Structure formats: C-alpha cells, structure tokens
Amino acid sequence: MSGGEQPLSRPDALRFTRRVVEQQAARQPALIDRWIAEEQQRQAERRRGEERRPQPAQWLIQYGLNRSNVDAVHTGDCWAAAKGGRGRPATRQQARDALLRHVPACVHCRPDTALGIFE
C-alpha cells in the first residue's frame, strides 16, 4: 500500500461490502419497476396492434399467373389459397358471382358449399 494507507481490517472490509450491497439493493426495486413498466407498455402496444389489425377476408378469389384470369374461389381461411399467394380479398357477393360464372371452387375449402351453391 502506498502513501501510508493501511489495509482494511476484516470487519471494515465486511462493513464496506455491506454498504455496497445495501446501495445495490436500494437501486434494484427501481430497476425492476422500470422493467415491469416497459413490459406493460409492450403488452399494451401489442394489444392495440391486434385490435387495429384488419379482419381477415372471408372470401378470396385466386388469380392466374397473368393476374387477369380467375383460377378459383376460396374461403378466407383456406390453406391452399394462403400457400398459393395469388388470392385477393373478395366480398361474399363477388365470390358468389364468380362461382355462378363457373369459376372453380377450391376442392379443399369448398366455398360453394359455404355459400349454399349446389350445382
């Protein structure tokens, strides 16, 4: 030790350690409170995002590769339409009209049955 400093006695070192732990412990609740507030804000933002998300389409019309030919009509939750990626949202009437114009109904989700069209 330089400058005439004496080494800390064991009780002094333990008292110092106790003060450090007390200081850290005093800061921890504030830190945890901040974490809680941040998490509550994230949850509120997530809820607002879910509330603002538009409702999924109930009906989809699938277009061909050239984007003008109509290939099929699907229900909004059809996995085949989601997999193909060429479906566009449609109203119930648009889906019904397409089926009545003999656009094929998806064999997986059967929008013709859901719309009450039996041919």
C-alpha atoms as a PDB file:
ATOM      1  CA  MET A   1       0.000   0.000   0.000  1.00  0.00           C
ATOM      2  CA  SER A   2       1.409   3.344  -0.948  1.00  0.00           C
ATOM      3  CA  GLY A   3       1.099   6.695   0.814  1.00  0.00           C
ATOM      4  CA  GLY A   4       0.731   5.255   4.268  1.00  0.00           C
ATOM      5  CA  GLU A   5      -2.593   3.543   3.599  1.00  0.00           C
ATOM      6  CA  GLN A   6      -3.377   0.757   5.962  1.00  0.00           C
ATOM      7  CA  PRO A   7      -5.067  -2.419   4.748  1.00  0.00           C
ATOM      8  CA  LEU A   8      -8.707  -2.740   5.777  1.00  0.00           C
ATOM      9  CA  SER A   9      -9.346  -4.927   8.742  1.00  0.00           C
ATOM     10  CA  ARG A  10     -11.696  -7.802   8.104  1.00  0.00           C
ATOM     11  CA  PRO A  11     -14.635  -6.126   9.955  1.00  0.00           C
ATOM     12  CA  ASP A  12     -14.039  -2.892   7.979  1.00  0.00           C
ATOM     13  CA  ALA A  13     -13.990  -4.830   4.700  1.00  0.00           C
ATOM     14  CA  LEU A  14     -17.239  -6.564   5.666  1.00  0.00           C
ATOM     15  CA  ARG A  15     -18.859  -3.219   6.593  1.00  0.00           C
ATOM     16  CA  PHE A  16     -17.766  -1.803   3.233  1.00  0.00           C
ATOM     17  CA  THR A  17     -19.219  -4.846   1.495  1.00  0.00           C
ATOM     18  CA  ARG A  18     -22.471  -4.392   3.414  1.00  0.00           C
ATOM     19  CA  ARG A  19     -22.733  -0.732   2.289  1.00  0.00           C
ATOM     20  CA  VAL A  20     -22.148  -1.725  -1.349  1.00  0.00           C
ATOM     21  CA  VAL A  21     -24.818  -4.432  -1.145  1.00  0.00           C
ATOM     22  CA  GLU A  22     -27.270  -2.021   0.514  1.00  0.00           C
ATOM     23  CA  GLN A  23     -26.692   0.556  -2.239  1.00  0.00           C
ATOM     24  CA  GLN A  24     -27.194  -2.033  -4.938  1.00  0.00           C
ATOM     25  CA  ALA A  25     -30.257  -3.459  -3.217  1.00  0.00           C
ATOM     26  CA  ALA A  26     -31.746   0.032  -2.921  1.00  0.00           C
ATOM     27  CA  ARG A  27     -31.417   0.506  -6.694  1.00  0.00           C
ATOM     28  CA  GLN A  28     -32.802  -2.887  -7.687  1.00  0.00           C
ATOM     29  CA  PRO A  29     -36.522  -2.267  -6.948  1.00  0.00           C
ATOM     30  CA  ALA A  30     -36.441   0.851  -9.140  1.00  0.00           C
ATOM     31  CA  LEU A  31     -34.780  -1.117 -11.923  1.00  0.00           C
ATOM     32  CA  ILE A  32     -37.314  -3.930 -11.635  1.00  0.00           C
ATOM     33  CA  ASP A  33     -40.170  -1.387 -11.564  1.00  0.00           C
ATOM     34  CA  ARG A  34     -38.825   0.074 -14.818  1.00  0.00           C
ATOM     35  CA  TRP A  35     -38.716  -3.391 -16.376  1.00  0.00           C
ATOM     36  CA  ILE A  36     -42.316  -4.016 -15.295  1.00  0.00           C
ATOM     37  CA  ALA A  37     -43.458  -0.676 -16.763  1.00  0.00           C
ATOM     38  CA  GLU A  38     -41.650  -1.393 -20.042  1.00  0.00           C
ATOM     39  CA  GLU A  39     -43.222  -4.859 -20.294  1.00  0.00           C
ATOM     40  CA  GLN A  40     -46.681  -3.447 -19.562  1.00  0.00           C
ATOM     41  CA  GLN A  41     -46.166  -0.875 -22.312  1.00  0.00           C
ATOM     42  CA  ARG A  42     -45.088  -3.611 -24.767  1.00  0.00           C
ATOM     43  CA  GLN A  43     -48.183  -5.652 -23.909  1.00  0.00           C
ATOM     44  CA  ALA A  44     -50.449  -2.613 -24.360  1.00  0.00           C
ATOM     45  CA  GLU A  45     -48.842  -1.851 -27.738  1.00  0.00           C
ATOM     46  CA  ARG A  46     -49.287  -5.496 -28.777  1.00  0.00           C
ATOM     47  CA  ARG A  47     -52.979  -5.394 -27.785  1.00  0.00           C
ATOM     48  CA  ARG A  48     -53.522  -2.119 -29.683  1.00  0.00           C
ATOM     49  CA  GLY A  49     -51.857  -3.645 -32.738  1.00  0.00           C
ATOM     50  CA  GLU A  50     -54.109  -6.697 -32.559  1.00  0.00           C
ATOM     51  CA  GLU A  51     -57.195  -4.512 -32.149  1.00  0.00           C
ATOM     52  CA  ARG A  52     -56.233  -2.361 -35.138  1.00  0.00           C
ATOM     53  CA  ARG A  53     -55.366  -5.292 -37.388  1.00  0.00           C
ATOM     54  CA  PRO A  54     -57.971  -5.563 -40.131  1.00  0.00           C
ATOM     55  CA  GLN A  55     -60.206  -8.586 -40.088  1.00  0.00           C
ATOM     56  CA  PRO A  56     -59.099 -11.304 -42.498  1.00  0.00           C
ATOM     57  CA  ALA A  57     -61.098 -11.633 -45.684  1.00  0.00           C
ATOM     58  CA  GLN A  58     -63.932 -14.149 -45.550  1.00  0.00           C
ATOM     59  CA  TRP A  59     -63.619 -14.928 -49.250  1.00  0.00           C
ATOM     60  CA  LEU A  60     -60.704 -14.968 -51.675  1.00  0.00           C
ATOM     61  CA  ILE A  61     -60.536 -15.056 -55.433  1.00  0.00           C
ATOM     62  CA  GLN A  62     -57.376 -16.627 -56.782  1.00  0.00           C
ATOM     63  CA  TYR A  63     -55.971 -15.131 -59.950  1.00  0.00           C
ATOM     64  CA  GLY A  64     -53.728 -16.798 -62.502  1.00  0.00           C
ATOM     65  CA  LEU A  65     -50.106 -16.022 -63.155  1.00  0.00           C
ATOM     66  CA  ASN A  66     -51.045 -13.258 -65.598  1.00  0.00           C
ATOM     67  CA  ARG A  67     -53.184 -11.700 -62.836  1.00  0.00           C
ATOM     68  CA  SER A  68     -56.254 -11.385 -65.022  1.00  0.00           C
ATOM     69  CA  ASN A  69     -57.563 -14.963 -65.267  1.00  0.00           C
ATOM     70  CA  VAL A  70     -59.620 -16.087 -62.296  1.00  0.00           C
ATOM     71  CA  ASP A  71     -58.491 -19.567 -61.225  1.00  0.00           C
ATOM     72  CA  ALA A  72     -60.550 -20.396 -58.150  1.00  0.00           C
ATOM     73  CA  VAL A  73     -62.699 -19.169 -55.288  1.00  0.00           C
ATOM     74  CA  HIS A  74     -61.659 -19.888 -51.671  1.00  0.00           C
ATOM     75  CA  THR A  75     -62.899 -19.248 -48.167  1.00  0.00           C
ATOM     76  CA  GLY A  76     -60.743 -16.730 -46.312  1.00  0.00           C
ATOM     77  CA  ASP A  77     -59.095 -19.300 -44.082  1.00  0.00           C
ATOM     78  CA  CYS A  78     -58.178 -21.799 -46.822  1.00  0.00           C
ATOM     79  CA  TRP A  79     -54.652 -23.114 -46.508  1.00  0.00           C
ATOM     80  CA  ALA A  80     -54.410 -23.701 -50.266  1.00  0.00           C
ATOM     81  CA  ALA A  81     -55.118 -20.042 -51.038  1.00  0.00           C
ATOM     82  CA  ALA A  82     -52.552 -18.922 -48.488  1.00  0.00           C
ATOM     83  CA  LYS A  83     -49.986 -21.306 -49.925  1.00  0.00           C
ATOM     84  CA  GLY A  84     -50.563 -20.107 -53.493  1.00  0.00           C
ATOM     85  CA  GLY A  85     -50.274 -16.434 -52.616  1.00  0.00           C
ATOM     86  CA  ARG A  86     -52.356 -15.243 -55.563  1.00  0.00           C
ATOM     87  CA  GLY A  87     -55.632 -14.786 -53.732  1.00  0.00           C
ATOM     88  CA  ARG A  88     -57.214 -11.370 -53.327  1.00  0.00           C
ATOM     89  CA  PRO A  89     -59.925 -10.476 -50.813  1.00  0.00           C
ATOM     90  CA  ALA A  90     -63.481 -10.576 -52.151  1.00  0.00           C
ATOM     91  CA  THR A  91     -66.923  -9.822 -50.818  1.00  0.00           C
ATOM     92  CA  ARG A  92     -69.467 -12.573 -50.352  1.00  0.00           C
ATOM     93  CA  GLN A  93     -71.304 -11.344 -53.445  1.00  0.00           C
ATOM     94  CA  GLN A  94     -68.130 -11.305 -55.565  1.00  0.00           C
ATOM     95  CA  ALA A  95     -67.317 -14.872 -54.519  1.00  0.00           C
ATOM     96  CA  ARG A  96     -70.882 -15.971 -55.228  1.00  0.00           C
ATOM     97  CA  ASP A  97     -70.896 -14.265 -58.653  1.00  0.00           C
ATOM     98  CA  ALA A  98     -67.591 -15.893 -59.589  1.00  0.00           C
ATOM     99  CA  LEU A  99     -68.925 -19.336 -58.684  1.00  0.00           C
ATOM    100  CA  LEU A 100     -72.105 -18.705 -60.676  1.00  0.00           C
ATOM    101  CA  ARG A 101     -69.876 -17.774 -63.652  1.00  0.00           C
ATOM    102  CA  HIS A 102     -68.375 -21.271 -63.301  1.00  0.00           C
ATOM    103  CA  VAL A 103     -65.092 -20.259 -61.707  1.00  0.00           C
ATOM    104  CA  PRO A 104     -63.926 -23.448 -59.975  1.00  0.00           C
ATOM    105  CA  ALA A 105     -64.460 -23.747 -56.246  1.00  0.00           C
ATOM    106  CA  CYS A 106     -61.458 -24.846 -54.210  1.00  0.00           C
ATOM    107  CA  VAL A 107     -61.697 -28.573 -53.548  1.00  0.00           C
ATOM    108  CA  HIS A 108     -60.177 -28.127 -50.084  1.00  0.00           C
ATOM    109  CA  CYS A 109     -62.295 -25.376 -48.519  1.00  0.00           C
ATOM    110  CA  ARG A 110     -65.477 -25.774 -50.654  1.00  0.00           C
ATOM    111  CA  PRO A 111     -66.674 -22.138 -50.786  1.00  0.00           C
ATOM    112  CA  ASP A 112     -69.602 -23.250 -52.957  1.00  0.00           C
ATOM    113  CA  THR A 113     -70.964 -25.294 -50.056  1.00  0.00           C
ATOM    114  CA  ALA A 114     -70.329 -22.458 -47.612  1.00  0.00           C
ATOM    115  CA  LEU A 115     -72.246 -20.080 -49.889  1.00  0.00           C
ATOM    116  CA  GLY A 116     -75.082 -22.534 -50.414  1.00  0.00           C
ATOM    117  CA  ILE A 117     -74.415 -23.025 -54.134  1.00  0.00           C
ATOM    118  CA  PHE A 118     -75.010 -26.615 -55.212  1.00  0.00           C
ATOM    119  CA  GLU A 119     -74.650 -27.495 -58.872  1.00  0.00           C
END
